[in-house]
């Protein structure tokens, strides 16, 4: 069965809701049966499926890491990095690809000199944040699903790289990345995967979408068939948000 989350709450009702209600789940403040009677509230598994589809369709995300302490890393001197940023999180855009779709672990081309990967090498944890960019006009960006994948980087075994056709998969999503594939003359790079441990999900407004944690096991157990069958808001014309036809 195709999974499509289609909130059809009347537009006037949406603006009568409190901010707390829109940005939290109904059971946090007490559900309003009249407002929820026209839609099926998505489960954690439903949300995991949609999240996996976002990972499958999106190709750019934000990597968040933490600058190391100035006393433990010489990058502060080499880069003239302000000492005040030690221990401060930083989010930077990076390319991603769903090249191991059976696992739910994003594939990254780690450039050794890039800040995010230098921070991880210095001991930082890492989070990948993604959001759904609907191909058709949508009423509200705040109503679109987004998520953060919290995990750790793992080098991909060189013996698996060719078998998994990582270069072909990654370049399909990012044609310019061909210039910094491993072995290039510009920058040192290597293939890594972000092993997903936990997922934080915001499906949209909390009165019609799940907001909260998706356990790593649920994330990993989504099937390829479910990902293929699912449809995100705005994937096709005629999708409606809160009764507003698009």
Protein backbone atom coordinates (compact mmCIF):
# COMPACT_ATOMS: atom_id res chain seq x y z
CA UNK A 1 0.00 0.00 0.00
CA UNK A 2 1.36 3.43 -0.92
CA UNK A 3 2.05 5.61 2.07
CA UNK A 4 1.10 9.23 1.54
CA UNK A 5 0.61 11.67 4.39
CA UNK A 6 -2.06 14.13 3.30
CA UNK A 7 -3.19 16.55 6.00
CA UNK A 8 -6.58 17.96 5.00
CA UNK A 9 -7.40 20.10 7.99
CA UNK A 10 -9.33 23.23 6.94
CA UNK A 11 -7.02 26.22 6.51
CA UNK A 12 -9.01 28.39 8.89
CA UNK A 13 -8.64 25.78 11.62
CA UNK A 14 -4.88 25.71 11.20
CA UNK A 15 -4.53 29.36 12.12
CA UNK A 16 -6.76 28.94 15.17
CA UNK A 17 -4.34 26.44 16.71
CA UNK A 18 -1.75 27.49 19.25
CA UNK A 19 1.97 27.37 18.31
CA UNK A 20 2.45 24.72 21.00
CA UNK A 21 -0.18 22.55 19.34
CA UNK A 22 1.20 22.99 15.83
CA UNK A 23 4.77 22.11 16.83
CA UNK A 24 4.08 19.17 19.13
CA UNK A 25 2.13 15.95 18.96
CA UNK A 26 -1.57 16.00 19.84
CA UNK A 27 -1.14 13.77 22.88
CA UNK A 28 1.19 16.39 24.40
CA UNK A 29 -1.65 18.86 24.90
CA UNK A 30 -4.69 16.68 24.41
CA UNK A 31 -6.04 15.72 20.97
CA UNK A 32 -9.01 17.48 19.46
CA UNK A 33 -11.11 14.73 17.85
CA UNK A 34 -12.88 17.23 15.59
CA UNK A 35 -9.59 18.40 14.14
CA UNK A 36 -8.15 14.92 13.66
CA UNK A 37 -11.22 13.12 12.37
CA UNK A 38 -10.33 13.62 8.69
CA UNK A 39 -6.79 12.28 8.77
CA UNK A 40 -4.88 9.24 9.96
CA UNK A 41 -2.12 10.19 12.36
CA UNK A 42 1.20 8.72 11.16
CA UNK A 43 2.99 6.17 13.33
CA UNK A 44 6.69 6.10 14.18
CA UNK A 45 7.15 3.49 11.45
CA UNK A 46 5.24 5.61 8.91
CA UNK A 47 7.55 8.50 9.76
CA UNK A 48 10.63 6.29 9.39
CA UNK A 49 9.48 5.32 5.89
CA UNK A 50 9.05 8.97 4.91
CA UNK A 51 12.42 9.82 6.43
CA UNK A 52 14.08 7.05 4.43
CA UNK A 53 12.44 8.43 1.29
CA UNK A 54 13.84 11.89 2.06
CA UNK A 55 17.29 10.32 2.37
CA UNK A 56 16.71 8.54 -0.95
CA UNK A 57 15.62 11.67 -2.83
CA UNK A 58 17.66 14.47 -1.28
CA UNK A 59 21.35 14.84 -2.06
CA UNK A 60 22.51 17.74 0.13
CA UNK A 61 22.39 17.99 3.90
CA UNK A 62 23.94 19.80 6.84
CA UNK A 63 26.68 18.11 8.86
CA UNK A 64 26.87 19.36 12.43
CA UNK A 65 30.04 18.82 14.43
CA UNK A 66 31.85 20.50 17.33
CA UNK A 67 35.13 22.39 17.16
CA UNK A 68 37.74 20.73 19.39
CA UNK A 69 39.26 22.51 22.36
CA UNK A 70 42.11 24.80 21.40
CA UNK A 71 44.47 22.98 23.76
CA UNK A 72 43.97 19.65 22.00
CA UNK A 73 44.18 20.55 18.34
CA UNK A 74 46.68 22.54 16.27
CA UNK A 75 44.06 23.60 13.69
CA UNK A 76 43.44 26.72 15.74
CA UNK A 77 47.00 27.85 15.02
CA UNK A 78 47.18 26.58 11.45
CA UNK A 79 43.85 28.15 10.44
CA UNK A 80 44.06 31.21 12.68
CA UNK A 81 40.84 29.87 14.20
CA UNK A 82 39.45 32.06 17.02
CA UNK A 83 39.98 30.34 20.39
CA UNK A 84 36.44 31.36 21.37
CA UNK A 85 34.90 28.76 19.02
CA UNK A 86 36.43 25.83 20.92
CA UNK A 87 33.60 23.49 21.92
CA UNK A 88 31.12 25.33 19.68
CA UNK A 89 28.90 23.42 17.22
CA UNK A 90 29.08 24.27 13.53
CA UNK A 91 26.73 23.18 10.75
CA UNK A 92 28.02 23.00 7.19
CA UNK A 93 26.53 21.88 3.89
CA UNK A 94 27.83 18.65 2.40
CA UNK A 95 27.01 16.17 -0.34
CA UNK A 96 25.32 12.91 0.58
CA UNK A 97 23.96 9.94 -1.33
CA UNK A 98 21.83 6.91 -0.55
CA UNK A 99 24.32 4.40 -1.93
CA UNK A 100 23.62 1.67 0.64
CA UNK A 101 19.81 1.85 0.59
CA UNK A 102 19.28 -1.43 2.41
CA UNK A 103 20.99 -0.05 5.52
CA UNK A 104 19.62 3.48 5.86
CA UNK A 105 23.19 4.75 6.32
CA UNK A 106 24.06 7.77 4.12
CA UNK A 107 27.22 7.63 2.03
CA UNK A 108 29.65 10.53 2.37
CA UNK A 109 32.76 11.44 0.44
CA UNK A 110 34.96 12.62 3.30
CA UNK A 111 37.45 15.32 2.31
CA UNK A 112 40.21 15.17 4.91
CA UNK A 113 40.76 18.93 4.88
CA UNK A 114 37.05 19.78 5.31
CA UNK A 115 36.07 21.22 8.69
CA UNK A 116 33.37 18.66 9.47
CA UNK A 117 35.69 15.71 8.97
CA UNK A 118 38.59 17.39 10.78
CA UNK A 119 36.31 17.92 13.77
CA UNK A 120 35.28 14.26 13.74
CA UNK A 121 38.93 13.21 13.52
CA UNK A 122 39.56 15.38 16.60
CA UNK A 123 36.84 13.53 18.54
CA UNK A 124 33.60 15.32 17.67
CA UNK A 125 30.31 13.52 17.30
CA UNK A 126 28.31 14.17 14.13
CA UNK A 127 24.72 14.74 13.00
CA UNK A 128 23.30 14.94 9.49
CA UNK A 129 20.22 17.14 9.07
CA UNK A 130 17.97 16.83 6.03
CA UNK A 131 14.76 18.49 4.94
CA UNK A 132 12.33 17.71 2.17
CA UNK A 133 12.32 20.16 -0.74
CA UNK A 134 9.00 19.57 -2.45
CA UNK A 135 9.22 19.84 -6.26
CA UNK A 136 5.89 21.68 -6.43
CA UNK A 137 4.89 24.86 -4.62
CA UNK A 138 3.91 24.26 -1.01
CA UNK A 139 1.96 26.41 1.35
CA UNK A 140 4.38 26.35 4.27
CA UNK A 141 8.01 25.27 4.64
CA UNK A 142 7.31 24.71 8.33
CA UNK A 143 4.84 21.99 7.37
CA UNK A 144 7.43 20.03 5.40
CA UNK A 145 9.13 17.03 7.04
CA UNK A 146 12.73 17.21 8.20
CA UNK A 147 15.01 15.06 10.32
CA UNK A 148 18.39 14.73 11.97
CA UNK A 149 20.39 11.51 11.73
CA UNK A 150 22.56 11.09 14.79
CA UNK A 151 25.36 8.57 14.51
CA UNK A 152 29.04 8.04 13.83
CA UNK A 153 31.29 7.82 10.80
CA UNK A 154 32.65 4.48 9.66
CA UNK A 155 35.21 3.91 6.91
CA UNK A 156 33.88 1.77 4.07
CA UNK A 157 35.97 -1.33 3.48
CA UNK A 158 37.97 -0.78 0.26
CA UNK A 159 37.01 -4.26 -0.90
CA UNK A 160 33.35 -3.22 -0.92
CA UNK A 161 33.73 0.08 -2.75
CA UNK A 162 33.83 -1.34 -6.25
CA UNK A 163 31.22 -3.99 -5.47
CA UNK A 164 28.81 -1.32 -4.23
CA UNK A 165 29.66 0.98 -7.17
CA UNK A 166 29.95 3.89 -4.76
CA UNK A 167 31.65 6.22 -7.22
CA UNK A 168 28.98 5.67 -9.87
CA UNK A 169 26.19 6.14 -7.33
CA UNK A 170 27.69 9.28 -5.79
CA UNK A 171 28.57 10.97 -9.08
CA UNK A 172 25.06 10.28 -10.36
CA UNK A 173 23.85 12.61 -7.60
CA UNK A 174 26.82 14.99 -7.73
CA UNK A 175 28.49 15.21 -11.12
CA UNK A 176 31.11 17.70 -9.93
CA UNK A 177 32.27 15.27 -7.23
CA UNK A 178 34.18 13.37 -9.88
CA UNK A 179 37.01 15.85 -9.34
CA UNK A 180 37.60 14.87 -5.71
CA UNK A 181 36.95 11.14 -5.71
CA UNK A 182 39.56 9.10 -3.79
CA UNK A 183 42.88 9.19 -5.61
CA UNK A 184 42.37 12.67 -7.07
CA UNK A 185 45.23 15.21 -7.25
CA UNK A 186 43.38 18.01 -5.45
CA UNK A 187 42.39 16.76 -1.99
CA UNK A 188 42.80 13.61 0.05
CA UNK A 189 39.42 11.89 0.33
CA UNK A 190 37.84 8.61 1.33
CA UNK A 191 34.47 6.89 1.40
CA UNK A 192 32.64 6.78 4.73
CA UNK A 193 29.14 5.98 5.89
CA UNK A 194 27.19 7.73 8.61
CA UNK A 195 26.02 4.83 10.75
CA UNK A 196 22.64 5.96 12.06
CA UNK A 197 22.16 5.35 15.77
CA UNK A 198 19.11 7.53 16.43
CA UNK A 199 16.78 9.74 14.40
CA UNK A 200 14.96 12.89 15.45
CA UNK A 201 11.98 13.56 13.20
CA UNK A 202 9.70 16.55 12.63
CA UNK A 203 7.03 15.45 10.19
CA UNK A 204 5.45 18.90 9.93
CA UNK A 205 2.83 20.47 12.16
CA UNK A 206 2.29 18.35 15.25
CA UNK A 207 -1.47 18.12 14.89
CA UNK A 208 -1.14 16.00 11.73
CA UNK A 209 2.42 14.66 11.83
CA UNK A 210 4.61 12.74 14.24
CA UNK A 211 7.32 14.75 16.01
CA UNK A 212 9.85 12.85 18.09
CA UNK A 213 12.44 10.10 18.13
CA UNK A 214 12.68 7.21 15.69
CA UNK A 215 14.76 4.36 17.15
CA UNK A 216 17.68 3.24 15.00
CA UNK A 217 16.22 -0.26 14.74
CA UNK A 218 12.96 1.09 13.27
CA UNK A 219 14.94 3.23 10.82
CA UNK A 220 17.01 0.26 9.64
CA UNK A 221 14.03 -2.08 9.30
CA UNK A 222 12.24 0.00 6.65
CA UNK A 223 12.11 -2.00 3.42
CA UNK A 224 13.08 -0.80 -0.04
CA UNK A 225 9.55 -1.58 -1.19
CA UNK A 226 8.12 0.76 1.44
CA UNK A 227 10.49 3.54 0.39
CA UNK A 228 9.51 3.11 -3.26
CA UNK A 229 5.79 3.14 -2.52
CA UNK A 230 5.82 6.13 -0.14
CA UNK A 231 5.06 9.64 -1.35
CA UNK A 232 6.13 12.82 0.38
CA UNK A 233 4.07 16.04 0.45
CA UNK A 234 4.24 17.81 -2.89
CA UNK A 235 5.69 14.91 -4.89
CA UNK A 236 2.76 15.27 -7.22
CA UNK A 237 0.51 18.12 -8.28
CA UNK A 238 -2.76 18.40 -6.47
CA UNK A 239 -1.31 17.70 -3.02
CA UNK A 240 -3.11 19.74 -0.41
CA UNK A 241 -1.92 21.10 2.91
CA UNK A 242 -4.51 21.98 5.53
CA UNK A 243 -7.15 22.15 2.82
CA UNK A 244 -5.15 24.52 0.60
CA UNK A 245 -4.98 23.06 -2.90
CA UNK A 246 -1.61 23.37 -4.63
